[in-house]
Protein backbone atom coordinates (compact mmCIF):
# COMPACT_ATOMS: atom_id res chain seq x y z
CA UNK A 1 -16.46 23.38 6.16
CA UNK A 2 -16.83 26.31 8.74
CA UNK A 3 -14.54 26.53 11.63
CA UNK A 4 -16.13 26.61 15.15
CA UNK A 5 -14.20 29.59 16.37
CA UNK A 6 -13.14 32.65 14.17
CA UNK A 7 -9.30 32.74 13.59
CA UNK A 8 -7.38 35.85 13.70
CA UNK A 9 -7.60 37.81 10.50
CA UNK A 10 -10.42 38.25 8.15
CA UNK A 11 -13.00 35.83 6.50
CA UNK A 12 -10.35 34.75 3.98
CA UNK A 13 -7.96 33.46 6.44
CA UNK A 14 -10.84 31.71 8.54
CA UNK A 15 -11.79 29.70 5.40
CA UNK A 16 -8.45 27.92 5.09
CA UNK A 17 -9.57 24.42 5.73
CA UNK A 18 -13.24 24.18 4.17
CA UNK A 19 -13.34 20.98 1.97
CA UNK A 20 -14.05 17.32 3.02
CA UNK A 21 -13.48 14.53 0.47
CA UNK A 22 -16.15 12.19 -0.87
CA UNK A 23 -16.02 9.16 1.19
CA UNK A 24 -13.80 10.72 3.85
CA UNK A 25 -14.37 9.35 7.48
CA UNK A 26 -15.46 12.02 9.93
CA UNK A 27 -16.37 11.74 13.52
CA UNK A 28 -19.57 13.85 14.60
CA UNK A 29 -19.17 15.74 17.88
CA UNK A 30 -21.93 18.36 17.92
CA UNK A 31 -25.51 18.81 16.21
CA UNK A 32 -26.66 22.29 15.35
CA UNK A 33 -29.81 23.30 13.15
CA UNK A 34 -28.72 21.38 9.89
CA UNK A 35 -24.94 21.59 10.60
CA UNK A 36 -22.66 18.95 12.29
CA UNK A 37 -19.42 19.69 13.89
CA UNK A 38 -17.15 16.98 12.68
CA UNK A 39 -13.43 15.88 12.74
CA UNK A 40 -11.38 14.23 10.37
CA UNK A 41 -7.62 13.13 10.29
CA UNK A 42 -6.49 16.72 9.06
CA UNK A 43 -9.11 19.18 10.35
CA UNK A 44 -12.27 19.84 12.04
CA UNK A 45 -15.14 22.14 11.71
CA UNK A 46 -18.92 22.53 10.76
CA UNK A 47 -20.33 20.54 7.94
CA UNK A 48 -23.68 20.63 6.48
CA UNK A 49 -25.91 17.73 7.71
CA UNK A 50 -26.91 16.78 4.22
CA UNK A 51 -23.63 15.86 3.16
CA UNK A 52 -22.97 13.38 6.05
CA UNK A 53 -24.03 9.92 6.24
CA UNK A 54 -24.56 9.15 9.97
CA UNK A 55 -23.74 5.68 11.43
CA UNK A 56 -22.76 4.03 14.59
CA UNK A 57 -19.20 3.93 15.86
CA UNK A 58 -18.81 0.28 15.06
CA UNK A 59 -19.77 0.72 11.28
CA UNK A 60 -17.46 3.70 11.26
CA UNK A 61 -14.63 1.67 12.65
CA UNK A 62 -15.39 -0.98 10.01
CA UNK A 63 -15.38 1.36 7.37
CA UNK A 64 -12.05 2.72 8.43
CA UNK A 65 -10.74 -0.89 8.50
CA UNK A 66 -12.05 -1.59 5.07
CA UNK A 67 -10.01 1.58 3.74
CA UNK A 68 -7.03 0.01 5.11
CA UNK A 69 -7.41 -3.34 3.72
CA UNK A 70 -8.73 -2.66 0.18
CA UNK A 71 -8.92 0.57 -1.28
CA UNK A 72 -8.60 2.80 -4.58
CA UNK A 73 -7.02 6.24 -4.55
CA UNK A 74 -8.03 9.11 -7.08
CA UNK A 75 -5.11 9.98 -8.92
CA UNK A 76 -6.77 12.55 -11.13
CA UNK A 77 -9.80 14.62 -10.47
CA UNK A 78 -12.85 14.40 -12.20
CA UNK A 79 -16.68 14.30 -12.16
CA UNK A 80 -18.56 10.91 -11.98
CA UNK A 81 -21.50 10.22 -14.19
CA UNK A 82 -23.88 11.16 -11.34
CA UNK A 83 -22.07 14.65 -11.09
CA UNK A 84 -20.23 14.17 -8.05
CA UNK A 85 -16.53 15.62 -8.31
CA UNK A 86 -13.74 13.48 -6.95
CA UNK A 87 -10.67 15.13 -5.76
CA UNK A 88 -6.87 13.99 -6.02
CA UNK A 89 -5.86 11.88 -3.14
CA UNK A 90 -9.46 10.74 -1.97
CA UNK A 91 -9.30 7.15 -0.69
CA UNK A 92 -12.30 5.12 -1.27
CA UNK A 93 -13.11 1.51 -0.38
CA UNK A 94 -12.79 -1.28 -3.20
CA UNK A 95 -15.96 -2.91 -3.89
CA UNK A 96 -16.38 -6.54 -5.29
CA UNK A 97 -15.73 -6.39 -8.95
CA UNK A 98 -13.92 -3.17 -9.47
CA UNK A 99 -10.99 -3.88 -11.54
CA UNK A 100 -7.32 -2.92 -10.90
CA UNK A 101 -6.80 -0.44 -13.87
CA UNK A 102 -7.07 3.36 -14.30
CA UNK A 103 -10.11 5.20 -15.23
CA UNK A 104 -12.66 2.70 -13.77
CA UNK A 105 -15.93 3.02 -12.22
CA UNK A 106 -16.36 4.17 -8.69
CA UNK A 107 -18.93 1.66 -7.38
CA UNK A 108 -20.17 -1.81 -8.22
CA UNK A 109 -19.11 -4.29 -10.79
CA UNK A 110 -17.71 -3.05 -14.06
CA UNK A 111 -19.66 -5.08 -16.82
CA UNK A 112 -18.58 -3.43 -20.02
CA UNK A 113 -16.72 -0.33 -21.51
CA UNK A 114 -19.99 1.59 -21.50
CA UNK A 115 -20.05 1.56 -17.75
CA UNK A 116 -16.47 2.95 -17.23
CA UNK A 117 -15.78 6.45 -16.30
CA UNK A 118 -16.53 9.16 -18.70
CA UNK A 119 -13.67 10.85 -20.39
CA UNK A 120 -13.88 13.71 -18.06
CA UNK A 121 -14.36 11.51 -15.00
CA UNK A 122 -11.53 10.73 -12.29
CA UNK A 123 -8.74 8.35 -12.67
CA UNK A 124 -8.43 5.70 -9.92
CA UNK A 125 -6.15 2.86 -9.23
CA UNK A 126 -5.95 0.32 -6.67
CA UNK A 127 -3.45 0.71 -3.69
CA UNK A 128 -0.78 3.67 -3.70
CA UNK A 129 1.63 4.51 -6.31
CA UNK A 130 5.27 3.49 -5.89
CA UNK A 131 7.62 6.35 -4.80
CA UNK A 132 9.71 6.54 -7.81
CA UNK A 133 10.88 9.33 -9.86
CA UNK A 134 8.67 8.41 -12.91
CA UNK A 135 5.71 8.30 -10.88
CA UNK A 136 6.49 11.41 -9.15
CA UNK A 137 6.53 12.95 -12.49
CA UNK A 138 3.42 11.26 -13.91
CA UNK A 139 1.35 12.43 -10.84
CA UNK A 140 2.50 15.87 -11.13
CA UNK A 141 1.42 15.78 -14.90
CA UNK A 142 -1.91 14.31 -13.89
CA UNK A 143 -2.57 17.16 -11.64
CA UNK A 144 -1.64 20.08 -13.83
CA UNK A 145 -4.34 22.91 -14.31
CA UNK A 146 -6.36 22.10 -11.02
CA UNK A 147 -7.84 25.70 -10.32
CA UNK A 148 -6.51 27.48 -7.33
CA UNK A 149 -8.99 28.05 -4.56
CA UNK A 150 -8.18 29.15 -1.11
CA UNK A 151 -9.45 26.52 1.53
CA UNK A 152 -10.75 24.49 -1.29
CA UNK A 153 -13.86 26.67 -1.37
CA UNK A 154 -14.40 25.69 -4.91
CA UNK A 155 -15.45 21.90 -5.22
CA UNK A 156 -13.04 21.51 -8.11
CA UNK A 157 -10.16 23.62 -6.65
CA UNK A 158 -7.31 23.29 -4.27
CA UNK A 159 -4.92 25.64 -2.63
CA UNK A 160 -1.03 25.04 -2.31
CA UNK A 161 -1.18 23.04 0.85
CA UNK A 162 -4.01 20.63 -0.14
CA UNK A 163 -2.32 20.28 -3.63
CA UNK A 164 0.79 18.91 -1.74
CA UNK A 165 -1.44 16.96 0.63
CA UNK A 166 -3.64 15.42 -2.24
CA UNK A 167 -0.30 14.83 -4.27
CA UNK A 168 1.35 12.61 -1.32
CA UNK A 169 -1.90 10.90 -0.42
CA UNK A 170 -1.46 9.15 -3.88
CA UNK A 171 1.79 7.75 -2.53
CA UNK A 172 0.26 6.59 0.68
CA UNK A 173 1.41 9.43 2.89
CA UNK A 174 -1.15 11.18 5.06
CA UNK A 175 -0.03 14.85 5.45
CA UNK A 176 -1.58 17.47 7.64
CA UNK A 177 -3.92 20.25 5.82
CA UNK A 178 -2.17 23.46 6.20
CA UNK A 179 1.55 24.37 5.21
CA UNK A 180 2.99 25.14 8.57
CA UNK A 181 1.53 21.58 10.02
CA UNK A 182 3.21 20.11 6.73
CA UNK A 183 6.61 21.63 7.55
CA UNK A 184 6.37 20.38 11.29
CA UNK A 185 5.37 16.98 9.79
CA UNK A 186 8.51 17.02 7.85
CA UNK A 187 10.61 17.64 10.75
CA UNK A 188 9.04 14.87 12.91
CA UNK A 189 9.77 12.59 9.96
CA UNK A 190 13.34 13.46 10.08
CA UNK A 191 13.82 12.95 13.94
CA UNK A 192 12.13 9.48 13.70
CA UNK A 193 14.64 8.48 10.58
CA UNK A 194 11.77 8.37 8.13
CA UNK A 195 12.57 11.18 6.12
CA UNK A 196 15.15 14.14 5.61
CA UNK A 197 14.69 17.49 6.59
CA UNK A 198 16.81 20.56 6.03
CA UNK A 199 16.65 24.25 7.44
CA UNK A 200 17.43 26.40 4.31
CA UNK A 201 16.53 29.87 5.71
CA UNK A 202 20.13 30.72 6.42
CA UNK A 203 21.65 29.34 3.15
CA UNK A 204 22.66 31.50 0.26
CA UNK A 205 20.41 31.12 -2.76
CA UNK A 206 23.03 28.93 -4.84
CA UNK A 207 23.67 26.60 -1.69
CA UNK A 208 19.76 26.11 -1.43
CA UNK A 209 19.42 25.21 -5.01
CA UNK A 210 22.20 22.69 -4.63
CA UNK A 211 20.85 21.10 -1.47
CA UNK A 212 17.27 20.82 -3.06
CA UNK A 213 18.78 19.09 -6.12
CA UNK A 214 20.57 16.55 -3.86
CA UNK A 215 17.45 15.61 -1.94
CA UNK A 216 15.63 15.14 -5.10
CA UNK A 217 12.46 15.10 -6.85
CA UNK A 218 9.26 15.24 -4.55
CA UNK A 219 11.06 17.50 -2.05
CA UNK A 220 8.51 19.52 -0.23
CA UNK A 221 9.62 23.29 -0.14
CA UNK A 222 8.22 25.85 2.30
CA UNK A 223 8.38 29.75 2.25
CA UNK A 224 6.25 32.10 4.12
CA UNK A 225 2.64 31.80 2.77
CA UNK A 226 3.41 29.14 0.12
CA UNK A 227 4.44 25.45 -0.09
CA UNK A 228 5.57 23.68 -3.33
CA UNK A 229 7.22 20.34 -4.40
CA UNK A 230 10.72 20.31 -6.31
CA UNK A 231 10.00 18.95 -9.91
CA UNK A 232 13.64 18.39 -10.95
CA UNK A 233 15.62 20.42 -13.53
CA UNK A 234 14.72 21.33 -16.99
CA UNK A 235 17.56 22.74 -19.20
CA UNK A 236 19.89 23.03 -15.83
CA UNK A 237 17.19 25.27 -14.23
CA UNK A 238 15.29 24.10 -11.21
CA UNK A 239 11.32 23.50 -11.40
CA UNK A 240 8.73 23.51 -8.98
CA UNK A 241 5.26 21.86 -8.84
CA UNK A 242 2.64 23.86 -7.22
CA UNK A 243 -0.70 25.45 -6.96
CA UNK A 244 -0.18 29.36 -7.20
CA UNK A 245 -2.80 32.18 -7.15
CA UNK A 246 -0.69 35.07 -8.43
CA UNK A 247 2.93 36.30 -8.06
CA UNK A 248 4.29 39.67 -8.75
CA UNK A 249 7.21 40.93 -10.74
CA UNK A 250 8.35 44.29 -11.47
CA UNK A 251 5.42 45.70 -9.36
CA UNK A 252 2.88 43.96 -11.79
CA UNK A 253 0.67 41.14 -10.77
CA UNK A 254 0.60 38.00 -12.71
CA UNK A 255 -2.33 35.59 -12.55
CA UNK A 256 -1.67 31.88 -12.37
CA UNK A 257 -4.55 30.56 -10.44
CA UNK A 258 -3.97 26.73 -11.33
CA UNK A 259 -1.38 23.94 -10.62
CA UNK A 260 1.65 24.33 -12.75
CA UNK A 261 5.27 23.07 -13.15
CA UNK A 262 7.18 26.26 -13.44
CA UNK A 263 10.59 27.91 -12.77
CA UNK A 264 10.79 29.77 -9.18
CA UNK A 265 8.42 32.84 -9.52
CA UNK A 266 10.08 36.35 -9.15
CA UNK A 267 9.52 37.73 -5.78
CA UNK A 268 11.08 40.91 -4.40
CA UNK A 269 14.73 41.40 -5.86
CA UNK A 270 15.01 37.76 -6.48
CA UNK A 271 12.76 34.46 -6.83
CA UNK A 272 10.92 32.08 -4.65
CA UNK A 273 13.92 30.17 -4.27
CA UNK A 274 15.44 33.14 -2.26
CA UNK A 275 12.68 32.98 0.26
CA UNK A 276 12.75 29.17 0.49
CA UNK A 277 13.29 28.41 4.38
CA UNK A 278 12.93 24.64 4.63
CA UNK A 279 12.72 21.46 2.65
CA UNK A 280 11.88 17.86 3.48
CA UNK A 281 11.49 14.62 1.59
CA UNK A 282 9.98 11.25 3.08
CA UNK A 283 11.60 7.78 2.83
CA UNK A 284 8.82 5.75 1.37
């Protein structure tokens, strides 16, 4: 997607929210020479007309109702046999005959193993995942090695905030698209009694680590320019799940450019943990 108005900063910043998932409902607000200005639950901007199926409002509302009633969610990204790429967190209607198992075909009735998704295809499952420590870990593992792509410009890539959004979509929580909005969302959950939010900015590093561990696996962590998910501990050391481009250590740039479970990377004289400003976790 292309934004209607240029944002402050360069083109890199203005392409922060540039991808719509397959099957995602959109409302068309404007037509303009092969492009449509559309809005979704998370963002808005111009999308190519050729990628949009136009229907009447009553059909759009029926489709949205169907998604709420009977749906399947993509847990692991992959390419379907027709070449289309399905991204993590994509929610799709369940059509008659689709089985309630992982790694099944996208549309129509599954009649044989030959019609199942190819090995590199997406993994789908009916309904949302239960919000348990085991499923949180399993979903992190399913999403490992997704390429980093600012603004989701690559069809098979995600940035840090869309990774968090896609992860939580698998558990039925619809997050905003960018990291600052996600932080505000977590704060709002807390005020509504539906989550826990902690301002970590003023805490010393050891207290931050202690507080995050108490909140538990799945806690969303914010620092300036990056968002992560707490992944528990390994040999007594905290781990984070995130999609990261690069980080610097001792003046040297280290390339990551994929989704990983890692320690808090070095930053400045310390690590990412020193720069974490807030954390929140939903009650699901």
